Amino acid sequence: LPSRRADELVGFYQDALTEVAATEPNLSLLLMPHDQRGEISDVSLTR
């Protein structure tokens, strides 16, 4: 998705998780990077 920025990608995840947590208030999250390659990586996006 070359038209999307990293902060937009994070925003889609944030919105989805917030929406699900509103209907499932007992939700806990474990954020799990799985690759550290690249300046923008799983690690930086997860943080």
All heavy atoms as atom14 arrays in JSON, in Angstrom:
{
  "sequence": "LPSRRADELVGFYQDALTEVAATEPNLSLLLMPHDQRGEISDVSLTR",
  "atom14_mask": [
    [1, 1, 1, 1, 1, 1, 1, 1, 0, 0, 0, 0, 0, 0],
    [1, 1, 1, 1, 1, 1, 1, 0, 0, 0, 0, 0, 0, 0],
    [1, 1, 1, 1, 1, 1, 0, 0, 0, 0, 0, 0, 0, 0],
    [1, 1, 1, 1, 1, 1, 1, 1, 1, 1, 1, 0, 0, 0],
    [1, 1, 1, 1, 1, 1, 1, 1, 1, 1, 1, 0, 0, 0],
    [1, 1, 1, 1, 1, 0, 0, 0, 0, 0, 0, 0, 0, 0],
    [1, 1, 1, 1, 1, 1, 1, 1, 0, 0, 0, 0, 0, 0],
    [1, 1, 1, 1, 1, 1, 1, 1, 1, 0, 0, 0, 0, 0],
    [1, 1, 1, 1, 1, 1, 1, 1, 0, 0, 0, 0, 0, 0],
    [1, 1, 1, 1, 1, 1, 1, 0, 0, 0, 0, 0, 0, 0],
    [1, 1, 1, 1, 0, 0, 0, 0, 0, 0, 0, 0, 0, 0],
    [1, 1, 1, 1, 1, 1, 1, 1, 1, 1, 1, 0, 0, 0],
    [1, 1, 1, 1, 1, 1, 1, 1, 1, 1, 1, 1, 0, 0],
    [1, 1, 1, 1, 1, 1, 1, 1, 1, 0, 0, 0, 0, 0],
    [1, 1, 1, 1, 1, 1, 1, 1, 0, 0, 0, 0, 0, 0],
    [1, 1, 1, 1, 1, 0, 0, 0, 0, 0, 0, 0, 0, 0],
    [1, 1, 1, 1, 1, 1, 1, 1, 0, 0, 0, 0, 0, 0],
    [1, 1, 1, 1, 1, 1, 1, 0, 0, 0, 0, 0, 0, 0],
    [1, 1, 1, 1, 1, 1, 1, 1, 1, 0, 0, 0, 0, 0],
    [1, 1, 1, 1, 1, 1, 1, 0, 0, 0, 0, 0, 0, 0],
    [1, 1, 1, 1, 1, 0, 0, 0, 0, 0, 0, 0, 0, 0],
    [1, 1, 1, 1, 1, 0, 0, 0, 0, 0, 0, 0, 0, 0],
    [1, 1, 1, 1, 1, 1, 1, 0, 0, 0, 0, 0, 0, 0],
    [1, 1, 1, 1, 1, 1, 1, 1, 1, 0, 0, 0, 0, 0],
    [1, 1, 1, 1, 1, 1, 1, 0, 0, 0, 0, 0, 0, 0],
    [1, 1, 1, 1, 1, 1, 1, 1, 0, 0, 0, 0, 0, 0],
    [1, 1, 1, 1, 1, 1, 1, 1, 0, 0, 0, 0, 0, 0],
    [1, 1, 1, 1, 1, 1, 0, 0, 0, 0, 0, 0, 0, 0],
    [1, 1, 1, 1, 1, 1, 1, 1, 0, 0, 0, 0, 0, 0],
    [1, 1, 1, 1, 1, 1, 1, 1, 0, 0, 0, 0, 0, 0],
    [1, 1, 1, 1, 1, 1, 1, 1, 0, 0, 0, 0, 0, 0],
    [1, 1, 1, 1, 1, 1, 1, 1, 0, 0, 0, 0, 0, 0],
    [1, 1, 1, 1, 1, 1, 1, 0, 0, 0, 0, 0, 0, 0],
    [1, 1, 1, 1, 1, 1, 1, 1, 1, 1, 0, 0, 0, 0],
    [1, 1, 1, 1, 1, 1, 1, 1, 0, 0, 0, 0, 0, 0],
    [1, 1, 1, 1, 1, 1, 1, 1, 1, 0, 0, 0, 0, 0],
    [1, 1, 1, 1, 1, 1, 1, 1, 1, 1, 1, 0, 0, 0],
    [1, 1, 1, 1, 0, 0, 0, 0, 0, 0, 0, 0, 0, 0],
    [1, 1, 1, 1, 1, 1, 1, 1, 1, 0, 0, 0, 0, 0],
    [1, 1, 1, 1, 1, 1, 1, 1, 0, 0, 0, 0, 0, 0],
    [1, 1, 1, 1, 1, 1, 0, 0, 0, 0, 0, 0, 0, 0],
    [1, 1, 1, 1, 1, 1, 1, 1, 0, 0, 0, 0, 0, 0],
    [1, 1, 1, 1, 1, 1, 1, 0, 0, 0, 0, 0, 0, 0],
    [1, 1, 1, 1, 1, 1, 0, 0, 0, 0, 0, 0, 0, 0],
    [1, 1, 1, 1, 1, 1, 1, 1, 0, 0, 0, 0, 0, 0],
    [1, 1, 1, 1, 1, 1, 1, 0, 0, 0, 0, 0, 0, 0],
    [1, 1, 1, 1, 1, 1, 1, 1, 1, 1, 1, 0, 0, 0]
  ],
  "atom14_positions": [
    [[0.85, -1.19, 0.0], [0.0, 0.0, 0.0], [0.89, 1.25, 0.0], [1.02, 1.92, 1.02], [-0.91, 0.0, 1.23], [-1.88, -1.18, 1.35], [-2.51, -1.21, 2.73], [-2.95, -1.1, 0.28], [0.0, 0.0, 0.0], [0.0, 0.0, 0.0], [0.0, 0.0, 0.0], [0.0, 0.0, 0.0], [0.0, 0.0, 0.0], [0.0, 0.0, 0.0]],
    [[1.52, 1.54, -1.11], [2.5, 2.65, -1.13], [1.9, 4.01, -0.8], [2.63, 4.93, -0.45], [3.05, 2.61, -2.55], [2.03, 1.86, -3.35], [1.4, 0.88, -2.42], [0.0, 0.0, 0.0], [0.0, 0.0, 0.0], [0.0, 0.0, 0.0], [0.0, 0.0, 0.0], [0.0, 0.0, 0.0], [0.0, 0.0, 0.0], [0.0, 0.0, 0.0]],
    [[0.58, 4.14, -0.9], [-0.04, 5.42, -0.58], [-0.23, 5.62, 0.92], [-0.57, 6.72, 1.37], [-1.39, 5.55, -1.29], [-2.29, 4.57, -0.82], [0.0, 0.0, 0.0], [0.0, 0.0, 0.0], [0.0, 0.0, 0.0], [0.0, 0.0, 0.0], [0.0, 0.0, 0.0], [0.0, 0.0, 0.0], [0.0, 0.0, 0.0], [0.0, 0.0, 0.0]],
    [[-0.02, 4.55, 1.7], [-0.23, 4.63, 3.14], [1.09, 4.92, 3.86], [2.14, 4.41, 3.5], [-0.82, 3.32, 3.68], [-2.21, 3.0, 3.16], [-3.24, 3.95, 3.72], [-4.6, 3.58, 3.32], [-5.67, 4.29, 3.59], [-5.55, 5.44, 4.24], [-6.86, 3.89, 3.19], [0.0, 0.0, 0.0], [0.0, 0.0, 0.0], [0.0, 0.0, 0.0]],
    [[1.0, 5.74, 4.9], [2.16, 6.02, 5.75], [2.15, 5.07, 6.94], [1.13, 4.45, 7.28], [2.12, 7.46, 6.25], [2.07, 8.51, 5.16], [2.22, 9.91, 5.77], [1.33, 10.11, 6.89], [0.08, 10.58, 6.82], [-0.44, 10.89, 5.63], [-0.65, 10.73, 7.9], [0.0, 0.0, 0.0], [0.0, 0.0, 0.0], [0.0, 0.0, 0.0]],
    [[3.29, 4.97, 7.61], [3.41, 4.09, 8.77], [2.42, 4.48, 9.87], [1.81, 3.61, 10.5], [4.84, 4.11, 9.31], [0.0, 0.0, 0.0], [0.0, 0.0, 0.0], [0.0, 0.0, 0.0], [0.0, 0.0, 0.0], [0.0, 0.0, 0.0], [0.0, 0.0, 0.0], [0.0, 0.0, 0.0], [0.0, 0.0, 0.0], [0.0, 0.0, 0.0]],
    [[2.23, 5.79, 10.11], [1.32, 6.2, 11.17], [-0.13, 5.86, 10.82], [-0.94, 5.57, 11.71], [1.47, 7.7, 11.46], [1.14, 8.57, 10.26], [1.39, 8.14, 9.13], [0.64, 9.7, 10.47], [0.0, 0.0, 0.0], [0.0, 0.0, 0.0], [0.0, 0.0, 0.0], [0.0, 0.0, 0.0], [0.0, 0.0, 0.0], [0.0, 0.0, 0.0]],
    [[-0.46, 5.84, 9.52], [-1.8, 5.44, 9.12], [-2.01, 3.95, 9.36], [-3.09, 3.53, 9.8], [-2.03, 5.77, 7.65], [-2.09, 7.25, 7.33], [-2.29, 7.51, 5.85], [-1.42, 7.08, 5.06], [-3.3, 8.13, 5.5], [0.0, 0.0, 0.0], [0.0, 0.0, 0.0], [0.0, 0.0, 0.0], [0.0, 0.0, 0.0], [0.0, 0.0, 0.0]],
    [[-0.98, 3.15, 9.06], [-1.06, 1.71, 9.32], [-1.31, 1.46, 10.8], [-2.18, 0.66, 11.17], [0.25, 1.05, 8.87], [0.3, -0.48, 8.85], [-0.64, -1.04, 7.81], [1.73, -0.94, 8.56], [0.0, 0.0, 0.0], [0.0, 0.0, 0.0], [0.0, 0.0, 0.0], [0.0, 0.0, 0.0], [0.0, 0.0, 0.0], [0.0, 0.0, 0.0]],
    [[-0.55, 2.12, 11.64], [-0.74, 2.0, 13.09], [-2.14, 2.44, 13.48], [-2.81, 1.81, 14.32], [0.32, 2.83, 13.84], [0.0, 2.92, 15.33], [1.71, 2.21, 13.64], [0.0, 0.0, 0.0], [0.0, 0.0, 0.0], [0.0, 0.0, 0.0], [0.0, 0.0, 0.0], [0.0, 0.0, 0.0], [0.0, 0.0, 0.0], [0.0, 0.0, 0.0]],
    [[-2.64, 3.5, 12.85], [-3.97, 4.01, 13.18], [-5.08, 3.02, 12.89], [-6.05, 2.92, 13.67], [0.0, 0.0, 0.0], [0.0, 0.0, 0.0], [0.0, 0.0, 0.0], [0.0, 0.0, 0.0], [0.0, 0.0, 0.0], [0.0, 0.0, 0.0], [0.0, 0.0, 0.0], [0.0, 0.0, 0.0], [0.0, 0.0, 0.0], [0.0, 0.0, 0.0]],
    [[-4.97, 2.27, 11.8], [-5.99, 1.26, 11.49], [-6.02, 0.17, 12.57], [-7.09, -0.27, 12.99], [-5.73, 0.64, 10.12], [-6.24, 1.46, 8.98], [-5.38, 2.15, 8.15], [-7.61, 1.55, 8.74], [-5.86, 2.91, 7.08], [-8.1, 2.3, 7.67], [-7.22, 2.99, 6.85], [0.0, 0.0, 0.0], [0.0, 0.0, 0.0], [0.0, 0.0, 0.0]],
    [[-4.86, -0.28, 13.0], [-4.8, -1.26, 14.08], [-5.38, -0.67, 15.37], [-6.16, -1.32, 16.08], [-3.36, -1.71, 14.32], [-2.89, -2.86, 13.48], [-2.54, -2.69, 12.14], [-2.76, -4.13, 14.0], [-2.09, -3.74, 11.36], [-2.3, -5.2, 13.25], [-1.98, -5.0, 11.92], [-1.53, -6.05, 11.15], [0.0, 0.0, 0.0], [0.0, 0.0, 0.0]],
    [[-4.97, 0.53, 15.7], [-5.44, 1.18, 16.92], [-6.97, 1.29, 16.92], [-7.63, 0.95, 17.91], [-4.83, 2.56, 17.05], [-5.36, 3.38, 18.22], [-5.08, 4.87, 18.05], [-4.39, 5.27, 17.13], [-5.63, 5.68, 18.93], [0.0, 0.0, 0.0], [0.0, 0.0, 0.0], [0.0, 0.0, 0.0], [0.0, 0.0, 0.0], [0.0, 0.0, 0.0]],
    [[-7.53, 1.75, 15.81], [-8.98, 1.9, 15.74], [-9.7, 0.57, 15.89], [-10.71, 0.46, 16.6], [-9.37, 2.55, 14.41], [-8.95, 4.01, 14.3], [-8.61, 4.6, 15.34], [-8.93, 4.53, 13.18], [0.0, 0.0, 0.0], [0.0, 0.0, 0.0], [0.0, 0.0, 0.0], [0.0, 0.0, 0.0], [0.0, 0.0, 0.0], [0.0, 0.0, 0.0]],
    [[-9.18, -0.47, 15.22], [-9.82, -1.78, 15.29], [-9.77, -2.36, 16.7], [-10.77, -2.88, 17.21], [-9.16, -2.74, 14.31], [0.0, 0.0, 0.0], [0.0, 0.0, 0.0], [0.0, 0.0, 0.0], [0.0, 0.0, 0.0], [0.0, 0.0, 0.0], [0.0, 0.0, 0.0], [0.0, 0.0, 0.0], [0.0, 0.0, 0.0], [0.0, 0.0, 0.0]],
    [[-8.62, -2.26, 17.34], [-8.47, -2.82, 18.69], [-9.33, -2.04, 19.69], [-9.92, -2.63, 20.6], [-7.0, -2.81, 19.1], [-6.1, -3.74, 18.26], [-4.63, -3.45, 18.54], [-6.41, -5.2, 18.55], [0.0, 0.0, 0.0], [0.0, 0.0, 0.0], [0.0, 0.0, 0.0], [0.0, 0.0, 0.0], [0.0, 0.0, 0.0], [0.0, 0.0, 0.0]],
    [[-9.4, -0.74, 19.51], [-10.23, 0.08, 20.4], [-11.71, -0.29, 20.22], [-12.46, -0.39, 21.2], [-10.01, 1.57, 20.1], [-8.63, 1.89, 20.27], [-10.84, 2.43, 21.03], [0.0, 0.0, 0.0], [0.0, 0.0, 0.0], [0.0, 0.0, 0.0], [0.0, 0.0, 0.0], [0.0, 0.0, 0.0], [0.0, 0.0, 0.0], [0.0, 0.0, 0.0]],
    [[-12.13, -0.5, 18.97], [-13.52, -0.86, 18.7], [-13.86, -2.22, 19.31], [-14.93, -2.38, 19.93], [-13.76, -0.89, 17.19], [-15.19, -1.22, 16.8], [-15.41, -1.2, 15.29], [-14.57, -0.62, 14.58], [-16.44, -1.77, 14.85], [0.0, 0.0, 0.0], [0.0, 0.0, 0.0], [0.0, 0.0, 0.0], [0.0, 0.0, 0.0], [0.0, 0.0, 0.0]],
    [[-12.99, -3.18, 19.16], [-13.26, -4.51, 19.71], [-13.27, -4.47, 21.24], [-14.11, -5.11, 21.88], [-12.24, -5.53, 19.19], [-12.4, -6.87, 19.88], [-12.38, -5.69, 17.68], [0.0, 0.0, 0.0], [0.0, 0.0, 0.0], [0.0, 0.0, 0.0], [0.0, 0.0, 0.0], [0.0, 0.0, 0.0], [0.0, 0.0, 0.0], [0.0, 0.0, 0.0]],
    [[-12.35, -3.7, 21.82], [-12.29, -3.61, 23.28], [-13.55, -2.96, 23.86], [-13.92, -3.22, 25.01], [-11.05, -2.83, 23.71], [0.0, 0.0, 0.0], [0.0, 0.0, 0.0], [0.0, 0.0, 0.0], [0.0, 0.0, 0.0], [0.0, 0.0, 0.0], [0.0, 0.0, 0.0], [0.0, 0.0, 0.0], [0.0, 0.0, 0.0], [0.0, 0.0, 0.0]],
    [[-14.21, -2.11, 23.06], [-15.44, -1.47, 23.55], [-16.56, -2.48, 23.73], [-17.41, -2.32, 24.62], [-15.87, -0.39, 22.56], [0.0, 0.0, 0.0], [0.0, 0.0, 0.0], [0.0, 0.0, 0.0], [0.0, 0.0, 0.0], [0.0, 0.0, 0.0], [0.0, 0.0, 0.0], [0.0, 0.0, 0.0], [0.0, 0.0, 0.0], [0.0, 0.0, 0.0]],
    [[-16.56, -3.54, 22.91], [-17.58, -4.58, 23.04], [-17.08, -5.79, 23.82], [-17.87, -6.63, 24.22], [-18.06, -5.04, 21.65], [-16.94, -5.52, 20.9], [-18.7, -3.88, 20.91], [0.0, 0.0, 0.0], [0.0, 0.0, 0.0], [0.0, 0.0, 0.0], [0.0, 0.0, 0.0], [0.0, 0.0, 0.0], [0.0, 0.0, 0.0], [0.0, 0.0, 0.0]],
    [[-15.77, -5.88, 23.99], [-15.16, -6.98, 24.76], [-14.25, -6.34, 25.81], [-13.03, -6.29, 25.66], [-14.36, -7.88, 23.82], [-13.78, -9.12, 24.48], [-14.85, -9.98, 25.1], [-15.62, -10.61, 24.37], [-14.91, -10.02, 26.36], [0.0, 0.0, 0.0], [0.0, 0.0, 0.0], [0.0, 0.0, 0.0], [0.0, 0.0, 0.0], [0.0, 0.0, 0.0]],
    [[-14.84, -5.82, 26.89], [-14.06, -5.04, 27.87], [-12.99, -5.85, 28.61], [-12.11, -5.27, 29.23], [-15.12, -4.52, 28.83], [-16.29, -5.43, 28.66], [-16.27, -5.88, 27.25], [0.0, 0.0, 0.0], [0.0, 0.0, 0.0], [0.0, 0.0, 0.0], [0.0, 0.0, 0.0], [0.0, 0.0, 0.0], [0.0, 0.0, 0.0], [0.0, 0.0, 0.0]],
    [[-13.05, -7.17, 28.52], [-12.04, -8.01, 29.18], [-10.89, -8.37, 28.26], [-10.18, -9.35, 28.49], [-12.69, -9.29, 29.72], [-13.59, -9.02, 30.9], [-13.37, -8.07, 31.66], [-14.63, -9.82, 31.05], [0.0, 0.0, 0.0], [0.0, 0.0, 0.0], [0.0, 0.0, 0.0], [0.0, 0.0, 0.0], [0.0, 0.0, 0.0], [0.0, 0.0, 0.0]],
    [[-10.68, -7.57, 27.23], [-9.62, -7.85, 26.26], [-8.27, -7.33, 26.76], [-8.15, -6.19, 27.2], [-9.95, -7.18, 24.92], [-9.0, -7.48, 23.75], [-9.07, -8.94, 23.34], [-9.31, -6.57, 22.57], [0.0, 0.0, 0.0], [0.0, 0.0, 0.0], [0.0, 0.0, 0.0], [0.0, 0.0, 0.0], [0.0, 0.0, 0.0], [0.0, 0.0, 0.0]],
    [[-7.26, -8.21, 26.69], [-5.87, -7.83, 26.95], [-5.06, -8.11, 25.69], [-5.36, -9.03, 24.93], [-5.29, -8.64, 28.12], [-5.98, -8.36, 29.32], [0.0, 0.0, 0.0], [0.0, 0.0, 0.0], [0.0, 0.0, 0.0], [0.0, 0.0, 0.0], [0.0, 0.0, 0.0], [0.0, 0.0, 0.0], [0.0, 0.0, 0.0], [0.0, 0.0, 0.0]],
    [[-4.01, -7.31, 25.47], [-3.22, -7.4, 24.25], [-1.76, -7.72, 24.55], [-1.18, -7.14, 25.47], [-3.28, -6.09, 23.46], [-4.66, -5.56, 23.08], [-4.51, -4.22, 22.36], [-5.41, -6.56, 22.22], [0.0, 0.0, 0.0], [0.0, 0.0, 0.0], [0.0, 0.0, 0.0], [0.0, 0.0, 0.0], [0.0, 0.0, 0.0], [0.0, 0.0, 0.0]],
    [[-1.2, -8.62, 23.76], [0.23, -8.87, 23.78], [0.76, -8.53, 22.4], [0.47, -9.22, 21.42], [0.53, -10.33, 24.12], [2.01, -10.69, 24.25], [2.67, -9.88, 25.38], [2.19, -12.18, 24.52], [0.0, 0.0, 0.0], [0.0, 0.0, 0.0], [0.0, 0.0, 0.0], [0.0, 0.0, 0.0], [0.0, 0.0, 0.0], [0.0, 0.0, 0.0]],
    [[1.48, -7.42, 22.29], [1.99, -6.94, 21.0], [3.3, -7.65, 20.69], [4.24, -7.63, 21.5], [2.18, -5.43, 21.04], [0.94, -4.61, 21.48], [1.19, -3.13, 21.29], [-0.32, -5.04, 20.72], [0.0, 0.0, 0.0], [0.0, 0.0, 0.0], [0.0, 0.0, 0.0], [0.0, 0.0, 0.0], [0.0, 0.0, 0.0], [0.0, 0.0, 0.0]],
    [[3.38, -8.25, 19.49], [4.42, -9.22, 19.2], [5.13, -8.92, 17.88], [4.7, -9.37, 16.82], [3.81, -10.63, 19.15], [2.99, -10.98, 20.37], [2.22, -12.63, 20.29], [3.67, -13.68, 20.51], [0.0, 0.0, 0.0], [0.0, 0.0, 0.0], [0.0, 0.0, 0.0], [0.0, 0.0, 0.0], [0.0, 0.0, 0.0], [0.0, 0.0, 0.0]],
    [[6.23, -8.16, 17.89], [7.02, -8.02, 16.66], [7.66, -9.34, 16.28], [7.95, -10.19, 17.15], [8.07, -6.98, 17.04], [8.17, -7.05, 18.53], [6.81, -7.45, 19.03], [0.0, 0.0, 0.0], [0.0, 0.0, 0.0], [0.0, 0.0, 0.0], [0.0, 0.0, 0.0], [0.0, 0.0, 0.0], [0.0, 0.0, 0.0], [0.0, 0.0, 0.0]],
    [[7.88, -9.54, 14.97], [8.42, -10.82, 14.52], [9.54, -10.65, 13.49], [10.03, -11.62, 12.94], [7.29, -11.68, 13.92], [7.52, -13.15, 14.03], [7.79, -13.94, 12.94], [7.53, -13.97, 15.11], [7.95, -15.19, 13.34], [7.8, -15.24, 14.65], [0.0, 0.0, 0.0], [0.0, 0.0, 0.0], [0.0, 0.0, 0.0], [0.0, 0.0, 0.0]],
    [[9.94, -9.4, 13.25], [11.0, -9.13, 12.27], [11.56, -7.75, 12.58], [10.8, -6.8, 12.78], [10.41, -9.16, 10.85], [11.47, -9.28, 9.77], [12.39, -8.43, 9.74], [11.38, -10.2, 8.93], [0.0, 0.0, 0.0], [0.0, 0.0, 0.0], [0.0, 0.0, 0.0], [0.0, 0.0, 0.0], [0.0, 0.0, 0.0], [0.0, 0.0, 0.0]],
    [[12.89, -7.64, 12.61], [13.51, -6.36, 12.96], [14.22, -5.69, 11.79], [14.91, -4.7, 11.94], [14.51, -6.55, 14.1], [15.68, -7.45, 13.77], [16.61, -7.64, 14.96], [16.45, -6.99, 15.99], [17.59, -8.53, 14.82], [0.0, 0.0, 0.0], [0.0, 0.0, 0.0], [0.0, 0.0, 0.0], [0.0, 0.0, 0.0], [0.0, 0.0, 0.0]],
    [[14.02, -6.2, 10.57], [14.7, -5.65, 9.41], [14.01, -4.37, 8.93], [12.79, -4.27, 8.94], [14.74, -6.67, 8.27], [15.61, -7.88, 8.57], [15.49, -8.95, 7.5], [14.16, -9.53, 7.46], [13.8, -10.51, 6.63], [14.68, -11.01, 5.78], [12.57, -11.01, 6.66], [0.0, 0.0, 0.0], [0.0, 0.0, 0.0], [0.0, 0.0, 0.0]],
    [[14.83, -3.42, 8.51], [14.31, -2.19, 7.94], [14.2, -1.06, 8.95], [14.07, -1.28, 10.15], [0.0, 0.0, 0.0], [0.0, 0.0, 0.0], [0.0, 0.0, 0.0], [0.0, 0.0, 0.0], [0.0, 0.0, 0.0], [0.0, 0.0, 0.0], [0.0, 0.0, 0.0], [0.0, 0.0, 0.0], [0.0, 0.0, 0.0], [0.0, 0.0, 0.0]],
    [[14.27, 0.16, 8.43], [14.14, 1.33, 9.3], [12.74, 1.38, 9.92], [12.57, 1.72, 11.09], [14.41, 2.6, 8.49], [14.36, 3.89, 9.33], [14.68, 5.12, 8.5], [15.11, 4.96, 7.34], [14.5, 6.23, 9.03], [0.0, 0.0, 0.0], [0.0, 0.0, 0.0], [0.0, 0.0, 0.0], [0.0, 0.0, 0.0], [0.0, 0.0, 0.0]],
    [[11.73, 1.08, 9.11], [10.37, 0.9, 9.62], [10.15, -0.61, 9.68], [10.03, -1.27, 8.65], [9.33, 1.56, 8.7], [9.58, 3.06, 8.61], [7.92, 1.29, 9.22], [8.68, 3.77, 7.62], [0.0, 0.0, 0.0], [0.0, 0.0, 0.0], [0.0, 0.0, 0.0], [0.0, 0.0, 0.0], [0.0, 0.0, 0.0], [0.0, 0.0, 0.0]],
    [[10.12, -1.17, 10.86], [10.07, -2.61, 11.05], [8.87, -2.98, 11.91], [8.17, -2.12, 12.45], [11.36, -3.1, 11.72], [11.42, -2.6, 13.05], [0.0, 0.0, 0.0], [0.0, 0.0, 0.0], [0.0, 0.0, 0.0], [0.0, 0.0, 0.0], [0.0, 0.0, 0.0], [0.0, 0.0, 0.0], [0.0, 0.0, 0.0], [0.0, 0.0, 0.0]],
    [[8.66, -4.29, 12.06], [7.67, -4.75, 13.03], [7.93, -4.12, 14.4], [7.0, -3.75, 15.12], [7.76, -6.27, 13.21], [7.19, -7.06, 12.06], [7.1, -6.52, 10.95], [6.84, -8.24, 12.27], [0.0, 0.0, 0.0], [0.0, 0.0, 0.0], [0.0, 0.0, 0.0], [0.0, 0.0, 0.0], [0.0, 0.0, 0.0], [0.0, 0.0, 0.0]],
    [[9.19, -4.02, 14.75], [9.55, -3.53, 16.09], [9.11, -2.08, 16.26], [8.45, -1.72, 17.25], [11.08, -3.67, 16.32], [11.46, -3.09, 17.68], [11.49, -5.14, 16.25], [0.0, 0.0, 0.0], [0.0, 0.0, 0.0], [0.0, 0.0, 0.0], [0.0, 0.0, 0.0], [0.0, 0.0, 0.0], [0.0, 0.0, 0.0], [0.0, 0.0, 0.0]],
    [[9.46, -1.23, 15.32], [9.11, 0.19, 15.45], [7.6, 0.4, 15.35], [7.03, 1.21, 16.1], [9.83, 1.03, 14.39], [9.41, 0.69, 13.08], [0.0, 0.0, 0.0], [0.0, 0.0, 0.0], [0.0, 0.0, 0.0], [0.0, 0.0, 0.0], [0.0, 0.0, 0.0], [0.0, 0.0, 0.0], [0.0, 0.0, 0.0], [0.0, 0.0, 0.0]],
    [[6.94, -0.33, 14.46], [5.49, -0.2, 14.32], [4.76, -0.67, 15.57], [3.77, -0.06, 16.0], [5.01, -0.99, 13.11], [5.42, -0.44, 11.73], [5.09, -1.45, 10.64], [4.72, 0.89, 11.45], [0.0, 0.0, 0.0], [0.0, 0.0, 0.0], [0.0, 0.0, 0.0], [0.0, 0.0, 0.0], [0.0, 0.0, 0.0], [0.0, 0.0, 0.0]],
    [[5.26, -1.75, 16.17], [4.62, -2.27, 17.37], [4.78, -1.29, 18.54], [3.84, -1.09, 19.32], [5.21, -3.65, 17.73], [5.04, -4.53, 16.63], [4.52, -4.24, 18.95], [0.0, 0.0, 0.0], [0.0, 0.0, 0.0], [0.0, 0.0, 0.0], [0.0, 0.0, 0.0], [0.0, 0.0, 0.0], [0.0, 0.0, 0.0], [0.0, 0.0, 0.0]],
    [[5.94, -0.69, 18.65], [6.14, 0.31, 19.71], [5.2, 1.49, 19.51], [4.61, 2.01, 20.47], [7.59, 0.78, 19.72], [8.57, -0.27, 20.25], [10.0, 0.19, 20.04], [10.96, -0.82, 20.53], [12.24, -0.87, 20.18], [12.73, 0.05, 19.35], [13.03, -1.8, 20.66], [0.0, 0.0, 0.0], [0.0, 0.0, 0.0], [0.0, 0.0, 0.0]]
  ]
}
